[in-house]
Amino acid sequence: MIITPMLVIFMCLVFVLVFLFIRTIDKRKWLNILVSLVLTPVVYFYMLYPFLNIVSSFHHEKYFSAEKWAKKPGLRYEMINHIVSDSVFIGKTKAETEALLGTYEWLSWDDNLKQHDDNKWNYGLGLVPGAFNETKECVTFIFEDDRIVDLERFTEDIVYEDE
């Protein structure tokens, strides 16, 4: 386990709250401190930490890996910040992109031409964890002259079909 400043702050906060709660049961200070020290990690890891994971949209970020992209499409959102911020794909050809990412999942629609645009490849990034998340992230790779010139991230609402 990595001890971070946020972990220390949250643990101290939980300790104070547990101490104040235990103090309402018994007034002996030495016993309150001892019970609070024992209960603080339990309350933190079994109550506060799961709750924070449910209501927050925090997720781990990873470097791009073609192998992970192909094997775990539901976790692509972890790699997209690296792809965008480091311009990993800018300048790559369609063949290079297809070799790394696989065949596009769908093409964007061009209203002017009334057909799919072969220069806008879309990939789903998966669902970012969270209790109230009803959108999925996607990315569009935009090509000009057979090379990627830009990436656009967007979200789509999750559509549940009636059964």
Protein backbone atom coordinates (compact mmCIF):
# COMPACT_ATOMS: atom_id res chain seq x y z
CA MET A 1 0.00 0.00 0.00
CA ILE A 2 1.27 3.45 -0.91
CA ILE A 3 0.83 6.05 1.80
CA THR A 4 -0.32 9.28 0.18
CA PRO A 5 -1.27 12.61 1.75
CA MET A 6 -4.95 12.00 0.94
CA LEU A 7 -4.82 8.60 2.68
CA VAL A 8 -3.34 10.21 5.81
CA ILE A 9 -5.92 13.00 5.78
CA PHE A 10 -8.83 10.60 5.35
CA MET A 11 -7.49 8.24 8.02
CA CYS A 12 -7.13 11.14 10.48
CA LEU A 13 -10.64 12.30 9.67
CA VAL A 14 -12.04 8.81 10.20
CA PHE A 15 -10.10 8.46 13.45
CA VAL A 16 -11.58 11.70 14.79
CA LEU A 17 -15.11 10.69 13.79
CA VAL A 18 -14.76 7.19 15.28
CA PHE A 19 -13.25 8.69 18.46
CA LEU A 20 -16.16 11.11 18.81
CA PHE A 21 -18.64 8.29 18.27
CA ILE A 22 -16.95 5.96 20.79
CA ARG A 23 -16.82 8.83 23.30
CA THR A 24 -20.63 8.88 23.35
CA ILE A 25 -20.58 5.26 24.56
CA ASP A 26 -17.89 5.48 27.26
CA LYS A 27 -16.06 8.43 28.83
CA ARG A 28 -12.73 6.68 29.55
CA LYS A 29 -10.22 8.42 27.28
CA TRP A 30 -7.60 5.66 27.17
CA LEU A 31 -10.24 3.11 26.13
CA ASN A 32 -11.70 5.47 23.52
CA ILE A 33 -8.30 6.01 21.91
CA LEU A 34 -7.50 2.30 21.90
CA VAL A 35 -10.86 1.29 20.38
CA SER A 36 -10.65 4.16 17.86
CA LEU A 37 -7.16 3.07 16.76
CA VAL A 38 -8.43 -0.47 16.18
CA LEU A 39 -11.66 0.54 14.44
CA THR A 40 -10.27 3.32 12.20
CA PRO A 41 -8.73 1.04 9.51
CA VAL A 42 -11.83 -1.16 9.53
CA VAL A 43 -14.20 1.79 9.09
CA TYR A 44 -11.96 3.36 6.45
CA PHE A 45 -11.42 0.29 4.25
CA TYR A 46 -14.88 -1.27 4.64
CA MET A 47 -17.08 1.83 4.72
CA LEU A 48 -15.49 5.09 3.55
CA TYR A 49 -13.24 3.75 0.76
CA PRO A 50 -15.99 1.74 -1.02
CA PHE A 51 -18.35 4.71 -0.69
CA LEU A 52 -15.77 7.06 -2.25
CA ASN A 53 -15.23 4.63 -5.13
CA ILE A 54 -18.96 4.51 -5.82
CA VAL A 55 -19.65 8.25 -5.84
CA SER A 56 -16.42 9.55 -7.39
CA SER A 57 -15.33 9.19 -11.00
CA PHE A 58 -11.66 8.67 -10.14
CA HIS A 59 -9.93 5.93 -12.09
CA HIS A 60 -6.38 4.80 -12.58
CA GLU A 61 -4.58 6.00 -15.68
CA LYS A 62 -2.26 3.78 -17.69
CA TYR A 63 0.09 4.11 -20.61
CA PHE A 64 -1.13 2.95 -24.00
CA SER A 65 -0.57 -0.72 -24.80
CA ALA A 66 -1.89 -2.29 -28.02
CA GLU A 67 -2.18 -5.64 -26.25
CA LYS A 68 -4.30 -4.24 -23.41
CA TRP A 69 -6.35 -2.18 -25.90
CA ALA A 70 -7.33 -5.38 -27.73
CA LYS A 71 -7.75 -7.68 -24.72
CA LYS A 72 -9.72 -5.34 -22.42
CA PRO A 73 -11.83 -2.90 -24.45
CA GLY A 74 -13.85 -2.00 -21.36
CA LEU A 75 -10.75 -0.45 -19.75
CA ARG A 76 -9.61 1.71 -22.66
CA TYR A 77 -10.67 4.83 -20.77
CA GLU A 78 -7.61 4.27 -18.54
CA MET A 79 -5.28 4.80 -21.54
CA ILE A 80 -6.99 7.65 -23.38
CA ASN A 81 -5.38 10.49 -21.41
CA HIS A 82 -1.92 9.19 -22.34
CA ILE A 83 -2.95 8.85 -25.99
CA VAL A 84 -4.33 12.39 -26.15
CA SER A 85 -1.79 14.26 -24.00
CA ASP A 86 1.31 12.68 -25.56
CA SER A 87 -0.11 12.72 -29.12
CA VAL A 88 0.73 9.02 -29.43
CA PHE A 89 -1.23 8.57 -32.68
CA ILE A 90 -0.85 11.96 -34.36
CA GLY A 91 0.83 11.41 -37.73
CA LYS A 92 0.23 7.65 -37.87
CA THR A 93 -1.24 6.16 -41.05
CA LYS A 94 -4.46 4.16 -41.27
CA ALA A 95 -2.45 0.93 -41.63
CA GLU A 96 -0.36 1.70 -38.52
CA THR A 97 -3.46 2.66 -36.57
CA GLU A 98 -5.28 -0.51 -37.58
CA ALA A 99 -2.25 -2.59 -36.61
CA LEU A 100 -2.22 -1.04 -33.11
CA LEU A 101 -5.93 -0.60 -32.40
CA GLY A 102 -7.60 -3.13 -34.67
CA THR A 103 -10.36 -2.40 -37.14
CA TYR A 104 -12.47 0.64 -36.28
CA GLU A 105 -15.67 -0.10 -34.40
CA TRP A 106 -17.77 2.30 -36.45
CA LEU A 107 -17.39 5.19 -38.88
CA SER A 108 -18.80 8.68 -38.32
CA TRP A 109 -21.73 9.79 -40.44
CA ASP A 110 -21.23 12.67 -42.90
CA ASP A 111 -24.53 14.51 -43.41
CA ASN A 112 -23.22 16.35 -46.48
CA LEU A 113 -22.37 13.14 -48.31
CA LYS A 114 -25.19 11.12 -46.71
CA GLN A 115 -22.79 8.25 -46.02
CA HIS A 116 -20.15 7.07 -43.57
CA ASP A 117 -16.89 9.02 -43.51
CA ASP A 118 -13.87 6.73 -44.04
CA ASN A 119 -11.65 9.40 -42.46
CA LYS A 120 -13.29 9.34 -39.02
CA TRP A 121 -12.74 6.11 -37.12
CA ASN A 122 -14.52 5.60 -33.80
CA TYR A 123 -13.65 3.35 -30.87
CA GLY A 124 -15.49 2.81 -27.62
CA LEU A 125 -13.49 3.43 -24.44
CA GLY A 126 -15.76 1.66 -21.99
CA LEU A 127 -17.71 2.86 -18.99
CA VAL A 128 -15.95 5.00 -16.43
CA PRO A 129 -16.75 3.52 -12.99
CA GLY A 130 -19.26 5.32 -10.83
CA ALA A 131 -22.66 4.74 -9.29
CA PHE A 132 -24.53 7.39 -11.23
CA ASN A 133 -22.66 7.14 -14.53
CA GLU A 134 -25.01 6.67 -17.45
CA THR A 135 -22.60 7.58 -20.24
CA LYS A 136 -19.85 5.79 -22.08
CA GLU A 137 -16.75 7.43 -23.47
CA CYS A 138 -15.69 7.18 -27.11
CA VAL A 139 -12.89 8.59 -29.25
CA THR A 140 -12.78 9.58 -32.91
CA PHE A 141 -9.52 9.43 -34.86
CA ILE A 142 -9.65 12.00 -37.67
CA PHE A 143 -7.56 11.33 -40.78
CA GLU A 144 -6.40 13.69 -43.52
CA ASP A 145 -4.26 12.40 -46.38
CA ASP A 146 -4.13 8.94 -44.73
CA ARG A 147 -2.61 10.34 -41.48
CA ILE A 148 -4.19 11.10 -38.11
CA VAL A 149 -4.43 14.84 -37.55
CA ASP A 150 -6.72 15.02 -34.52
CA LEU A 151 -8.57 13.05 -31.85
CA GLU A 152 -11.97 13.92 -30.46
CA ARG A 153 -13.33 12.49 -27.24
CA PHE A 154 -17.07 12.39 -26.68
CA THR A 155 -19.63 10.69 -24.51
CA GLU A 156 -22.77 8.81 -25.42
CA ASP A 157 -25.73 7.94 -23.25
CA ILE A 158 -26.10 4.27 -22.43
CA VAL A 159 -29.23 2.93 -24.06
CA TYR A 160 -30.91 0.01 -22.33
CA GLU A 161 -33.22 -1.98 -24.53
CA ASP A 162 -36.47 -3.21 -23.05
CA GLU A 163 -36.53 -6.92 -22.53
